Amino acid sequence: MKAVEFTTQIFNNLIQVPGEFETEIKSVRDKDVRVILLIDEPGTYEENKIKSFVQEQFFQGYSESDAIYDE
């Protein structure tokens, strides 16, 4: 099984697949596919503010010496 990921919007109950996946779509024409929708839920302003702060702090703490953990 192969997975592809992209973001899009749903219009009239149709999911538009980006053109870069045209080959994959043509190869499964008339076959069953599995679709999973992950829908972002808007958080409260305070939740979003905290998430943004945590992300900023996390990336500020990264230094070149931390690169040994990337492998």
N, C-alpha and C. Protein backbone atom coordinates (compact mmCIF):
# COMPACT_ATOMS: atom_id res chain seq x y z
N MET A 1 0.85 -1.17 0.00
CA MET A 1 0.00 0.00 0.00
C MET A 1 0.89 1.23 0.00
N LYS A 2 0.53 2.20 -0.80
CA LYS A 2 1.27 3.45 -0.89
C LYS A 2 0.41 4.58 -0.35
N ALA A 3 1.03 5.51 0.34
CA ALA A 3 0.30 6.66 0.89
C ALA A 3 0.82 7.94 0.25
N VAL A 4 -0.09 8.85 -0.03
CA VAL A 4 0.28 10.19 -0.49
C VAL A 4 -0.39 11.18 0.45
N GLU A 5 0.27 12.29 0.68
CA GLU A 5 -0.27 13.30 1.58
C GLU A 5 -0.25 14.65 0.90
N PHE A 6 -1.33 15.39 1.07
CA PHE A 6 -1.43 16.74 0.53
C PHE A 6 -2.53 17.47 1.27
N THR A 7 -2.53 18.78 1.16
CA THR A 7 -3.62 19.56 1.73
C THR A 7 -4.48 20.07 0.59
N THR A 8 -5.76 20.17 0.85
CA THR A 8 -6.70 20.64 -0.15
C THR A 8 -7.96 21.11 0.56
N GLN A 9 -8.90 21.59 -0.19
CA GLN A 9 -10.19 21.95 0.36
C GLN A 9 -11.26 21.12 -0.35
N ILE A 10 -12.35 20.89 0.34
CA ILE A 10 -13.45 20.10 -0.21
C ILE A 10 -14.50 21.07 -0.74
N PHE A 11 -14.86 20.92 -2.01
CA PHE A 11 -15.91 21.72 -2.64
C PHE A 11 -16.96 20.78 -3.20
N ASN A 12 -18.22 21.01 -2.84
CA ASN A 12 -19.33 20.19 -3.33
C ASN A 12 -19.08 18.70 -3.10
N ASN A 13 -18.55 18.37 -1.93
CA ASN A 13 -18.26 16.98 -1.54
C ASN A 13 -17.23 16.30 -2.44
N LEU A 14 -16.39 17.07 -3.11
CA LEU A 14 -15.34 16.52 -3.96
C LEU A 14 -13.98 16.93 -3.41
N ILE A 15 -13.05 15.98 -3.41
CA ILE A 15 -11.69 16.24 -2.97
C ILE A 15 -10.82 16.38 -4.21
N GLN A 16 -10.22 17.55 -4.39
CA GLN A 16 -9.36 17.76 -5.54
C GLN A 16 -7.95 17.28 -5.20
N VAL A 17 -7.43 16.40 -6.05
CA VAL A 17 -6.09 15.85 -5.86
C VAL A 17 -5.12 16.67 -6.71
N PRO A 18 -4.02 17.14 -6.12
CA PRO A 18 -3.06 17.94 -6.88
C PRO A 18 -2.51 17.17 -8.08
N GLY A 19 -2.19 17.91 -9.14
CA GLY A 19 -1.70 17.33 -10.38
C GLY A 19 -0.45 16.50 -10.24
N GLU A 20 0.36 16.77 -9.22
CA GLU A 20 1.60 16.01 -9.05
C GLU A 20 1.34 14.53 -8.76
N PHE A 21 0.09 14.18 -8.41
CA PHE A 21 -0.25 12.79 -8.13
C PHE A 21 -1.03 12.15 -9.28
N GLU A 22 -1.01 12.78 -10.45
CA GLU A 22 -1.78 12.30 -11.59
C GLU A 22 -1.42 10.87 -11.97
N THR A 23 -0.14 10.54 -11.95
CA THR A 23 0.29 9.19 -12.31
C THR A 23 -0.28 8.15 -11.35
N GLU A 24 -0.21 8.45 -10.04
CA GLU A 24 -0.74 7.51 -9.04
C GLU A 24 -2.25 7.34 -9.20
N ILE A 25 -2.95 8.42 -9.49
CA ILE A 25 -4.41 8.36 -9.64
C ILE A 25 -4.79 7.53 -10.86
N LYS A 26 -4.09 7.73 -11.97
CA LYS A 26 -4.39 6.96 -13.18
C LYS A 26 -4.13 5.48 -12.98
N SER A 27 -3.13 5.14 -12.17
CA SER A 27 -2.78 3.73 -11.98
C SER A 27 -3.81 2.99 -11.12
N VAL A 28 -4.66 3.71 -10.39
CA VAL A 28 -5.67 3.05 -9.55
C VAL A 28 -7.09 3.32 -10.03
N ARG A 29 -7.21 3.83 -11.24
CA ARG A 29 -8.54 4.11 -11.79
C ARG A 29 -9.37 2.83 -11.79
N ASP A 30 -10.61 2.92 -11.36
CA ASP A 30 -11.56 1.80 -11.27
C ASP A 30 -11.16 0.77 -10.21
N LYS A 31 -10.30 1.15 -9.28
CA LYS A 31 -9.93 0.27 -8.17
C LYS A 31 -10.35 0.94 -6.87
N ASP A 32 -10.50 0.14 -5.83
CA ASP A 32 -10.83 0.69 -4.52
C ASP A 32 -9.61 1.36 -3.92
N VAL A 33 -9.81 2.50 -3.27
CA VAL A 33 -8.75 3.19 -2.55
C VAL A 33 -9.26 3.49 -1.15
N ARG A 34 -8.35 3.65 -0.22
CA ARG A 34 -8.69 3.98 1.16
C ARG A 34 -8.40 5.46 1.37
N VAL A 35 -9.37 6.18 1.91
CA VAL A 35 -9.22 7.62 2.12
C VAL A 35 -9.40 7.92 3.61
N ILE A 36 -8.47 8.68 4.15
CA ILE A 36 -8.56 9.12 5.54
C ILE A 36 -8.52 10.64 5.53
N LEU A 37 -9.51 11.27 6.13
CA LEU A 37 -9.53 12.73 6.21
C LEU A 37 -9.08 13.16 7.59
N LEU A 38 -8.09 14.02 7.65
CA LEU A 38 -7.65 14.62 8.91
C LEU A 38 -8.07 16.07 8.86
N ILE A 39 -9.03 16.43 9.68
CA ILE A 39 -9.61 17.76 9.64
C ILE A 39 -9.07 18.57 10.81
N ASP A 40 -8.41 19.68 10.48
CA ASP A 40 -7.90 20.57 11.52
C ASP A 40 -9.07 21.21 12.24
N GLU A 41 -9.02 21.15 13.55
CA GLU A 41 -10.04 21.80 14.35
C GLU A 41 -9.44 23.07 14.93
N PRO A 42 -10.11 24.18 14.72
CA PRO A 42 -9.56 25.42 15.26
C PRO A 42 -9.62 25.41 16.78
N GLY A 43 -8.50 25.74 17.40
CA GLY A 43 -8.46 25.82 18.85
C GLY A 43 -8.84 27.21 19.31
N THR A 44 -8.86 27.38 20.58
CA THR A 44 -9.14 28.71 21.10
C THR A 44 -7.93 29.59 20.86
N TYR A 45 -8.12 30.87 20.96
CA TYR A 45 -7.03 31.81 20.76
C TYR A 45 -5.89 31.51 21.73
N GLU A 46 -6.23 31.24 22.98
CA GLU A 46 -5.21 30.97 24.00
C GLU A 46 -4.42 29.70 23.67
N GLU A 47 -5.10 28.64 23.21
CA GLU A 47 -4.41 27.41 22.84
C GLU A 47 -3.43 27.66 21.70
N ASN A 48 -3.88 28.40 20.69
CA ASN A 48 -3.02 28.69 19.55
C ASN A 48 -1.83 29.54 19.96
N LYS A 49 -2.04 30.47 20.87
CA LYS A 49 -0.96 31.33 21.36
C LYS A 49 0.09 30.49 22.10
N ILE A 50 -0.36 29.56 22.93
CA ILE A 50 0.55 28.70 23.68
C ILE A 50 1.33 27.80 22.73
N LYS A 51 0.66 27.20 21.75
CA LYS A 51 1.34 26.34 20.78
C LYS A 51 2.42 27.11 20.03
N SER A 52 2.09 28.31 19.62
CA SER A 52 3.05 29.13 18.89
C SER A 52 4.26 29.44 19.76
N PHE A 53 4.03 29.78 21.02
CA PHE A 53 5.12 30.09 21.94
C PHE A 53 6.01 28.87 22.15
N VAL A 54 5.41 27.71 22.35
CA VAL A 54 6.18 26.48 22.59
C VAL A 54 7.03 26.15 21.36
N GLN A 55 6.47 26.30 20.17
CA GLN A 55 7.24 26.03 18.95
C GLN A 55 8.43 26.97 18.84
N GLU A 56 8.21 28.25 19.11
CA GLU A 56 9.30 29.22 19.04
C GLU A 56 10.41 28.86 20.02
N GLN A 57 10.04 28.53 21.25
CA GLN A 57 11.02 28.19 22.27
C GLN A 57 11.78 26.91 21.91
N PHE A 58 11.07 25.95 21.37
CA PHE A 58 11.70 24.68 21.00
C PHE A 58 12.78 24.91 19.95
N PHE A 59 12.47 25.66 18.91
CA PHE A 59 13.44 25.85 17.84
C PHE A 59 14.55 26.82 18.21
N GLN A 60 14.33 27.70 19.16
CA GLN A 60 15.40 28.57 19.62
C GLN A 60 16.45 27.76 20.39
N GLY A 61 16.03 26.68 21.02
CA GLY A 61 16.94 25.88 21.81
C GLY A 61 17.80 24.93 21.00
N TYR A 62 17.57 24.82 19.70
CA TYR A 62 18.33 23.92 18.85
C TYR A 62 19.67 24.53 18.51
N SER A 63 20.72 23.75 18.67
CA SER A 63 22.05 24.23 18.31
C SER A 63 22.75 23.18 17.46
N GLU A 64 23.88 23.53 16.89
CA GLU A 64 24.62 22.60 16.03
C GLU A 64 25.01 21.33 16.78
N SER A 65 25.27 21.44 18.08
CA SER A 65 25.65 20.25 18.84
C SER A 65 24.50 19.25 18.96
N ASP A 66 23.26 19.71 18.74
CA ASP A 66 22.11 18.80 18.77
C ASP A 66 21.99 17.96 17.51
N ALA A 67 22.77 18.27 16.49
CA ALA A 67 22.68 17.57 15.21
C ALA A 67 22.99 16.08 15.35
N ILE A 68 23.72 15.68 16.37
CA ILE A 68 24.04 14.26 16.53
C ILE A 68 22.79 13.42 16.78
N TYR A 69 21.70 14.05 17.22
CA TYR A 69 20.45 13.33 17.48
C TYR A 69 19.59 13.19 16.24
N ASP A 70 19.95 13.85 15.15
CA ASP A 70 19.15 13.84 13.93
C ASP A 70 19.26 12.54 13.15
N GLU A 71 20.23 11.74 13.42
CA GLU A 71 20.43 10.52 12.62
C GLU A 71 19.60 9.38 13.13
